[in-house]
Amino acid sequence: MPKAKSPRTPKPKAEKKVLQMPENGNSHNGSSPLDLEGEIRLRAYQLYVERGSLAGFEEEDWLSAEREVLARYAGHSHTA
């Protein structure tokens, strides 16, 4: 005689995490506080996409984006 099977509890489905990128545009338009990390993140993502979404260049993209964003702010501080 076969054993009775115990009822299975359904496993919770894995949540898909989708990366939400900030809206295009500059956040240093004077109406919002500086969000350097957000701007760097956005620019690094743009560099990643421009490269064809190839993995393995994360640090290079971040450092390039950081230089660009910080240089842009340094230029604004001298003209203000």
PDB file of N, CA and C in Angstrom:
ATOM      1  N   MET A   1       0.842  -1.168   0.000  1.00  0.00           N
ATOM      2  CA  MET A   1       0.000   0.000   0.000  1.00  0.00           C
ATOM      3  C   MET A   1       0.894   1.242   0.000  1.00  0.00           C
ATOM      4  N   PRO A   2       0.658   2.194  -0.920  1.00  0.00           N
ATOM      5  CA  PRO A   2       1.505   3.389  -0.991  1.00  0.00           C
ATOM      6  C   PRO A   2       1.249   4.319   0.184  1.00  0.00           C
ATOM      7  N   LYS A   3       2.302   5.018   0.559  1.00  0.00           N
ATOM      8  CA  LYS A   3       2.188   5.984   1.653  1.00  0.00           C
ATOM      9  C   LYS A   3       1.416   7.204   1.184  1.00  0.00           C
ATOM     10  N   ALA A   4       0.717   7.805   2.118  1.00  0.00           N
ATOM     11  CA  ALA A   4      -0.008   9.035   1.804  1.00  0.00           C
ATOM     12  C   ALA A   4       1.003  10.182   1.704  1.00  0.00           C
ATOM     13  N   LYS A   5       0.829  11.006   0.691  1.00  0.00           N
ATOM     14  CA  LYS A   5       1.729  12.137   0.517  1.00  0.00           C
ATOM     15  C   LYS A   5       1.292  13.281   1.416  1.00  0.00           C
ATOM     16  N   SER A   6       2.293  13.942   2.006  1.00  0.00           N
ATOM     17  CA  SER A   6       1.966  15.106   2.821  1.00  0.00           C
ATOM     18  C   SER A   6       1.717  16.294   1.882  1.00  0.00           C
ATOM     19  N   PRO A   7       0.801  17.174   2.277  1.00  0.00           N
ATOM     20  CA  PRO A   7       0.506  18.305   1.402  1.00  0.00           C
ATOM     21  C   PRO A   7       1.719  19.225   1.286  1.00  0.00           C
ATOM     22  N   ARG A   8       1.930  19.718   0.095  1.00  0.00           N
ATOM     23  CA  ARG A   8       3.050  20.622  -0.146  1.00  0.00           C
ATOM     24  C   ARG A   8       2.614  22.060   0.083  1.00  0.00           C
ATOM     25  N   THR A   9       3.517  22.786   0.705  1.00  0.00           N
ATOM     26  CA  THR A   9       3.245  24.211   0.848  1.00  0.00           C
ATOM     27  C   THR A   9       3.926  24.910  -0.330  1.00  0.00           C
ATOM     28  N   PRO A  10       3.181  25.761  -0.999  1.00  0.00           N
ATOM     29  CA  PRO A  10       3.782  26.415  -2.169  1.00  0.00           C
ATOM     30  C   PRO A  10       4.927  27.326  -1.755  1.00  0.00           C
ATOM     31  N   LYS A  11       5.996  27.297  -2.552  1.00  0.00           N
ATOM     32  CA  LYS A  11       7.139  28.157  -2.290  1.00  0.00           C
ATOM     33  C   LYS A  11       6.810  29.564  -2.770  1.00  0.00           C
ATOM     34  N   PRO A  12       7.245  30.559  -2.028  1.00  0.00           N
ATOM     35  CA  PRO A  12       6.999  31.927  -2.504  1.00  0.00           C
ATOM     36  C   PRO A  12       7.784  32.164  -3.792  1.00  0.00           C
ATOM     37  N   LYS A  13       7.134  32.822  -4.723  1.00  0.00           N
ATOM     38  CA  LYS A  13       7.792  33.098  -5.992  1.00  0.00           C
ATOM     39  C   LYS A  13       8.861  34.150  -5.801  1.00  0.00           C
ATOM     40  N   ALA A  14       9.969  33.954  -6.500  1.00  0.00           N
ATOM     41  CA  ALA A  14      11.066  34.920  -6.411  1.00  0.00           C
ATOM     42  C   ALA A  14      10.638  36.220  -7.078  1.00  0.00           C
ATOM     43  N   GLU A  15      10.945  37.297  -6.397  1.00  0.00           N
ATOM     44  CA  GLU A  15      10.599  38.606  -6.956  1.00  0.00           C
ATOM     45  C   GLU A  15      11.644  39.001  -7.979  1.00  0.00           C
ATOM     46  N   LYS A  16      11.188  39.516  -9.102  1.00  0.00           N
ATOM     47  CA  LYS A  16      12.114  40.027 -10.094  1.00  0.00           C
ATOM     48  C   LYS A  16      12.415  41.474  -9.741  1.00  0.00           C
ATOM     49  N   LYS A  17      13.684  41.752  -9.574  1.00  0.00           N
ATOM     50  CA  LYS A  17      14.082  43.113  -9.240  1.00  0.00           C
ATOM     51  C   LYS A  17      14.487  43.813 -10.529  1.00  0.00           C
ATOM     52  N   VAL A  18      13.828  44.900 -10.805  1.00  0.00           N
ATOM     53  CA  VAL A  18      14.093  45.660 -12.012  1.00  0.00           C
ATOM     54  C   VAL A  18      14.786  46.947 -11.623  1.00  0.00           C
ATOM     55  N   LEU A  19      15.883  47.225 -12.288  1.00  0.00           N
ATOM     56  CA  LEU A  19      16.629  48.441 -12.027  1.00  0.00           C
ATOM     57  C   LEU A  19      15.860  49.628 -12.571  1.00  0.00           C
ATOM     58  N   GLN A  20      15.549  50.563 -11.706  1.00  0.00           N
ATOM     59  CA  GLN A  20      14.850  51.776 -12.111  1.00  0.00           C
ATOM     60  C   GLN A  20      15.867  52.894 -12.232  1.00  0.00           C
ATOM     61  N   MET A  21      16.048  53.399 -13.419  1.00  0.00           N
ATOM     62  CA  MET A  21      16.975  54.489 -13.633  1.00  0.00           C
ATOM     63  C   MET A  21      16.250  55.813 -13.445  1.00  0.00           C
ATOM     64  N   PRO A  22      16.952  56.818 -12.936  1.00  0.00           N
ATOM     65  CA  PRO A  22      16.319  58.121 -12.770  1.00  0.00           C
ATOM     66  C   PRO A  22      15.932  58.712 -14.119  1.00  0.00           C
ATOM     67  N   GLU A  23      15.017  59.652 -14.082  1.00  0.00           N
ATOM     68  CA  GLU A  23      14.601  60.313 -15.308  1.00  0.00           C
ATOM     69  C   GLU A  23      15.792  61.025 -15.926  1.00  0.00           C
ATOM     70  N   ASN A  24      15.776  61.136 -17.252  1.00  0.00           N
ATOM     71  CA  ASN A  24      16.844  61.864 -17.928  1.00  0.00           C
ATOM     72  C   ASN A  24      16.785  63.328 -17.561  1.00  0.00           C
ATOM     73  N   GLY A  25      17.901  63.957 -17.594  1.00  0.00           N
ATOM     74  CA  GLY A  25      17.958  65.370 -17.251  1.00  0.00           C
ATOM     75  C   GLY A  25      18.959  65.585 -16.141  1.00  0.00           C
ATOM     76  N   ASN A  26      19.301  66.810 -15.938  1.00  0.00           N
ATOM     77  CA  ASN A  26      20.268  67.136 -14.903  1.00  0.00           C
ATOM     78  C   ASN A  26      19.556  67.454 -13.608  1.00  0.00           C
ATOM     79  N   SER A  27      20.033  66.872 -12.527  1.00  0.00           N
ATOM     80  CA  SER A  27      19.407  67.137 -11.240  1.00  0.00           C
ATOM     81  C   SER A  27      20.004  68.364 -10.578  1.00  0.00           C
ATOM     82  N   HIS A  28      20.997  68.986 -11.205  1.00  0.00           N
ATOM     83  CA  HIS A  28      21.575  70.182 -10.601  1.00  0.00           C
ATOM     84  C   HIS A  28      21.049  71.440 -11.288  1.00  0.00           C
ATOM     85  N   ASN A  29      19.747  71.472 -11.507  1.00  0.00           N
ATOM     86  CA  ASN A  29      19.121  72.601 -12.181  1.00  0.00           C
ATOM     87  C   ASN A  29      18.754  73.725 -11.215  1.00  0.00           C
ATOM     88  N   GLY A  30      19.174  73.624  -9.972  1.00  0.00           N
ATOM     89  CA  GLY A  30      18.917  74.680  -9.015  1.00  0.00           C
ATOM     90  C   GLY A  30      17.683  74.444  -8.175  1.00  0.00           C
ATOM     91  N   SER A  31      16.782  73.570  -8.588  1.00  0.00           N
ATOM     92  CA  SER A  31      15.561  73.354  -7.828  1.00  0.00           C
ATOM     93  C   SER A  31      15.644  72.140  -6.917  1.00  0.00           C
ATOM     94  N   SER A  32      16.667  71.309  -7.081  1.00  0.00           N
ATOM     95  CA  SER A  32      16.789  70.136  -6.224  1.00  0.00           C
ATOM     96  C   SER A  32      18.191  70.099  -5.622  1.00  0.00           C
ATOM     97  N   PRO A  33      18.334  69.440  -4.475  1.00  0.00           N
ATOM     98  CA  PRO A  33      19.662  69.368  -3.855  1.00  0.00           C
ATOM     99  C   PRO A  33      20.602  68.530  -4.712  1.00  0.00           C
ATOM    100  N   LEU A  34      21.871  68.721  -4.490  1.00  0.00           N
ATOM    101  CA  LEU A  34      22.865  67.955  -5.230  1.00  0.00           C
ATOM    102  C   LEU A  34      22.695  66.472  -4.940  1.00  0.00           C
ATOM    103  N   ASP A  35      22.718  65.706  -5.990  1.00  0.00           N
ATOM    104  CA  ASP A  35      22.655  64.252  -5.865  1.00  0.00           C
ATOM    105  C   ASP A  35      23.783  63.699  -6.719  1.00  0.00           C
ATOM    106  N   LEU A  36      25.004  63.929  -6.250  1.00  0.00           N
ATOM    107  CA  LEU A  36      26.171  63.522  -7.031  1.00  0.00           C
ATOM    108  C   LEU A  36      26.165  62.031  -7.323  1.00  0.00           C
ATOM    109  N   GLU A  37      25.876  61.236  -6.310  1.00  0.00           N
ATOM    110  CA  GLU A  37      25.905  59.787  -6.519  1.00  0.00           C
ATOM    111  C   GLU A  37      24.882  59.367  -7.563  1.00  0.00           C
ATOM    112  N   GLY A  38      23.699  59.963  -7.518  1.00  0.00           N
ATOM    113  CA  GLY A  38      22.669  59.636  -8.505  1.00  0.00           C
ATOM    114  C   GLY A  38      23.087  60.026  -9.909  1.00  0.00           C
ATOM    115  N   GLU A  39      23.702  61.196 -10.037  1.00  0.00           N
ATOM    116  CA  GLU A  39      24.163  61.632 -11.361  1.00  0.00           C
ATOM    117  C   GLU A  39      25.297  60.760 -11.864  1.00  0.00           C
ATOM    118  N   ILE A  40      26.204  60.383 -10.967  1.00  0.00           N
ATOM    119  CA  ILE A  40      27.301  59.503 -11.356  1.00  0.00           C
ATOM    120  C   ILE A  40      26.749  58.151 -11.778  1.00  0.00           C
ATOM    121  N   ARG A  41      25.788  57.642 -11.013  1.00  0.00           N
ATOM    122  CA  ARG A  41      25.180  56.352 -11.332  1.00  0.00           C
ATOM    123  C   ARG A  41      24.519  56.390 -12.707  1.00  0.00           C
ATOM    124  N   LEU A  42      23.782  57.458 -12.978  1.00  0.00           N
ATOM    125  CA  LEU A  42      23.112  57.595 -14.266  1.00  0.00           C
ATOM    126  C   LEU A  42      24.127  57.655 -15.409  1.00  0.00           C
ATOM    127  N   ARG A  43      25.183  58.446 -15.238  1.00  0.00           N
ATOM    128  CA  ARG A  43      26.184  58.573 -16.294  1.00  0.00           C
ATOM    129  C   ARG A  43      26.925  57.260 -16.491  1.00  0.00           C
ATOM    130  N   ALA A  44      27.231  56.546 -15.405  1.00  0.00           N
ATOM    131  CA  ALA A  44      27.892  55.244 -15.526  1.00  0.00           C
ATOM    132  C   ALA A  44      26.999  54.272 -16.286  1.00  0.00           C
ATOM    133  N   TYR A  45      25.708  54.325 -16.031  1.00  0.00           N
ATOM    134  CA  TYR A  45      24.769  53.468 -16.752  1.00  0.00           C
ATOM    135  C   TYR A  45      24.743  53.840 -18.238  1.00  0.00           C
ATOM    136  N   GLN A  46      24.760  55.142 -18.525  1.00  0.00           N
ATOM    137  CA  GLN A  46      24.777  55.577 -19.924  1.00  0.00           C
ATOM    138  C   GLN A  46      26.031  55.072 -20.633  1.00  0.00           C
ATOM    139  N   LEU A  47      27.168  55.127 -19.964  1.00  0.00           N
ATOM    140  CA  LEU A  47      28.407  54.616 -20.547  1.00  0.00           C
ATOM    141  C   LEU A  47      28.307  53.115 -20.813  1.00  0.00           C
ATOM    142  N   TYR A  48      27.705  52.401 -19.882  1.00  0.00           N
ATOM    143  CA  TYR A  48      27.491  50.954 -20.025  1.00  0.00           C
ATOM    144  C   TYR A  48      26.639  50.655 -21.257  1.00  0.00           C
ATOM    145  N   VAL A  49      25.568  51.407 -21.427  1.00  0.00           N
ATOM    146  CA  VAL A  49      24.678  51.196 -22.572  1.00  0.00           C
ATOM    147  C   VAL A  49      25.391  51.569 -23.868  1.00  0.00           C
ATOM    148  N   GLU A  50      26.129  52.678 -23.853  1.00  0.00           N
ATOM    149  CA  GLU A  50      26.872  53.103 -25.050  1.00  0.00           C
ATOM    150  C   GLU A  50      27.881  52.048 -25.480  1.00  0.00           C
ATOM    151  N   ARG A  51      28.420  51.291 -24.534  1.00  0.00           N
ATOM    152  CA  ARG A  51      29.391  50.246 -24.834  1.00  0.00           C
ATOM    153  C   ARG A  51      28.697  48.985 -25.373  1.00  0.00           C
ATOM    154  N   GLY A  52      27.385  48.965 -25.378  1.00  0.00           N
ATOM    155  CA  GLY A  52      26.649  47.797 -25.851  1.00  0.00           C
ATOM    156  C   GLY A  52      26.224  46.888 -24.718  1.00  0.00           C
ATOM    157  N   SER A  53      26.141  47.431 -23.515  1.00  0.00           N
ATOM    158  CA  SER A  53      25.718  46.692 -22.315  1.00  0.00           C
ATOM    159  C   SER A  53      26.625  45.505 -22.016  1.00  0.00           C
ATOM    160  N   LEU A  54      27.915  45.685 -22.263  1.00  0.00           N
ATOM    161  CA  LEU A  54      28.878  44.634 -21.967  1.00  0.00           C
ATOM    162  C   LEU A  54      29.312  44.720 -20.514  1.00  0.00           C
ATOM    163  N   ALA A  55      29.283  43.594 -19.836  1.00  0.00           N
ATOM    164  CA  ALA A  55      29.702  43.540 -18.434  1.00  0.00           C
ATOM    165  C   ALA A  55      31.225  43.532 -18.351  1.00  0.00           C
ATOM    166  N   GLY A  56      31.738  43.885 -17.181  1.00  0.00           N
ATOM    167  CA  GLY A  56      33.166  43.805 -16.943  1.00  0.00           C
ATOM    168  C   GLY A  56      33.863  45.152 -16.918  1.00  0.00           C
ATOM    169  N   PHE A  57      33.136  46.228 -17.157  1.00  0.00           N
ATOM    170  CA  PHE A  57      33.731  47.557 -17.183  1.00  0.00           C
ATOM    171  C   PHE A  57      33.097  48.473 -16.140  1.00  0.00           C
ATOM    172  N   GLU A  58      32.514  47.877 -15.104  1.00  0.00           N
ATOM    173  CA  GLU A  58      31.771  48.646 -14.113  1.00  0.00           C
ATOM    174  C   GLU A  58      32.627  49.707 -13.441  1.00  0.00           C
ATOM    175  N   GLU A  59      33.821  49.318 -13.004  1.00  0.00           N
ATOM    176  CA  GLU A  59      34.683  50.268 -12.297  1.00  0.00           C
ATOM    177  C   GLU A  59      35.144  51.386 -13.240  1.00  0.00           C
ATOM    178  N   GLU A  60      35.515  51.017 -14.456  1.00  0.00           N
ATOM    179  CA  GLU A  60      35.930  52.025 -15.437  1.00  0.00           C
ATOM    180  C   GLU A  60      34.796  53.001 -15.732  1.00  0.00           C
ATOM    181  N   ASP A  61      33.583  52.478 -15.919  1.00  0.00           N
ATOM    182  CA  ASP A  61      32.422  53.337 -16.187  1.00  0.00           C
ATOM    183  C   ASP A  61      32.155  54.265 -15.010  1.00  0.00           C
ATOM    184  N   TRP A  62      32.234  53.729 -13.786  1.00  0.00           N
ATOM    185  CA  TRP A  62      31.962  54.544 -12.605  1.00  0.00           C
ATOM    186  C   TRP A  62      32.985  55.669 -12.484  1.00  0.00           C
ATOM    187  N   LEU A  63      34.275  55.333 -12.649  1.00  0.00           N
ATOM    188  CA  LEU A  63      35.313  56.348 -12.492  1.00  0.00           C
ATOM    189  C   LEU A  63      35.228  57.413 -13.584  1.00  0.00           C
ATOM    190  N   SER A  64      34.924  56.999 -14.799  1.00  0.00           N
ATOM    191  CA  SER A  64      34.747  57.973 -15.886  1.00  0.00           C
ATOM    192  C   SER A  64      33.566  58.883 -15.600  1.00  0.00           C
ATOM    193  N   ALA A  65      32.473  58.295 -15.166  1.00  0.00           N
ATOM    194  CA  ALA A  65      31.273  59.073 -14.856  1.00  0.00           C
ATOM    195  C   ALA A  65      31.556  60.038 -13.706  1.00  0.00           C
ATOM    196  N   GLU A  66      32.273  59.575 -12.702  1.00  0.00           N
ATOM    197  CA  GLU A  66      32.595  60.412 -11.551  1.00  0.00           C
ATOM    198  C   GLU A  66      33.421  61.621 -11.985  1.00  0.00           C
ATOM    199  N   ARG A  67      34.426  61.385 -12.833  1.00  0.00           N
ATOM    200  CA  ARG A  67      35.251  62.492 -13.328  1.00  0.00           C
ATOM    201  C   ARG A  67      34.407  63.503 -14.096  1.00  0.00           C
ATOM    202  N   GLU A  68      33.530  63.014 -14.982  1.00  0.00           N
ATOM    203  CA  GLU A  68      32.690  63.907 -15.786  1.00  0.00           C
ATOM    204  C   GLU A  68      31.763  64.754 -14.912  1.00  0.00           C
ATOM    205  N   VAL A  69      31.083  64.113 -13.980  1.00  0.00           N
ATOM    206  CA  VAL A  69      30.111  64.827 -13.147  1.00  0.00           C
ATOM    207  C   VAL A  69      30.815  65.831 -12.247  1.00  0.00           C
ATOM    208  N   LEU A  70      31.915  65.420 -11.613  1.00  0.00           N
ATOM    209  CA  LEU A  70      32.632  66.338 -10.734  1.00  0.00           C
ATOM    210  C   LEU A  70      33.227  67.509 -11.511  1.00  0.00           C
ATOM    211  N   ALA A  71      33.702  67.268 -12.724  1.00  0.00           N
ATOM    212  CA  ALA A  71      34.236  68.349 -13.558  1.00  0.00           C
ATOM    213  C   ALA A  71      33.127  69.323 -13.929  1.00  0.00           C
ATOM    214  N   ARG A  72      31.930  68.799 -14.196  1.00  0.00           N
ATOM    215  CA  ARG A  72      30.796  69.661 -14.537  1.00  0.00           C
ATOM    216  C   ARG A  72      30.452  70.569 -13.349  1.00  0.00           C
ATOM    217  N   TYR A  73      30.462  70.025 -12.142  1.00  0.00           N
ATOM    218  CA  TYR A  73      30.172  70.834 -10.961  1.00  0.00           C
ATOM    219  C   TYR A  73      31.298  71.826 -10.690  1.00  0.00           C
ATOM    220  N   ALA A  74      32.542  71.431 -10.918  1.00  0.00           N
ATOM    221  CA  ALA A  74      33.664  72.330 -10.700  1.00  0.00           C
ATOM    222  C   ALA A  74      33.555  73.510 -11.660  1.00  0.00           C
ATOM    223  N   GLY A  75      33.132  73.269 -12.883  1.00  0.00           N
ATOM    224  CA  GLY A  75      32.939  74.348 -13.862  1.00  0.00           C
ATOM    225  C   GLY A  75      31.820  75.285 -13.461  1.00  0.00           C
ATOM    226  N   HIS A  76      30.747  74.744 -12.892  1.00  0.00           N
ATOM    227  CA  HIS A  76      29.614  75.565 -12.462  1.00  0.00           C
ATOM    228  C   HIS A  76      29.976  76.429 -11.261  1.00  0.00           C
ATOM    229  N   SER A  77      30.798  75.905 -10.372  1.00  0.00           N
ATOM    230  CA  SER A  77      31.134  76.666  -9.163  1.00  0.00           C
ATOM    231  C   SER A  77      32.009  77.872  -9.496  1.00  0.00           C
ATOM    232  N   HIS A  78      32.789  77.806 -10.575  1.00  0.00           N
ATOM    233  CA  HIS A  78      33.632  78.928 -10.959  1.00  0.00           C
ATOM    234  C   HIS A  78      32.848  80.015 -11.683  1.00  0.00           C
ATOM    235  N   THR A  79      31.747  79.633 -12.312  1.00  0.00           N
ATOM    236  CA  THR A  79      30.953  80.612 -13.074  1.00  0.00           C
ATOM    237  C   THR A  79      29.862  81.237 -12.233  1.00  0.00           C
ATOM    238  N   ALA A  80      29.563  80.656 -11.076  1.00  0.00           N
ATOM    239  CA  ALA A  80      28.468  81.163 -10.235  1.00  0.00           C
ATOM    240  C   ALA A  80      28.908  82.269  -9.332  1.00  0.00           C
TER     241      ALA A  80
END
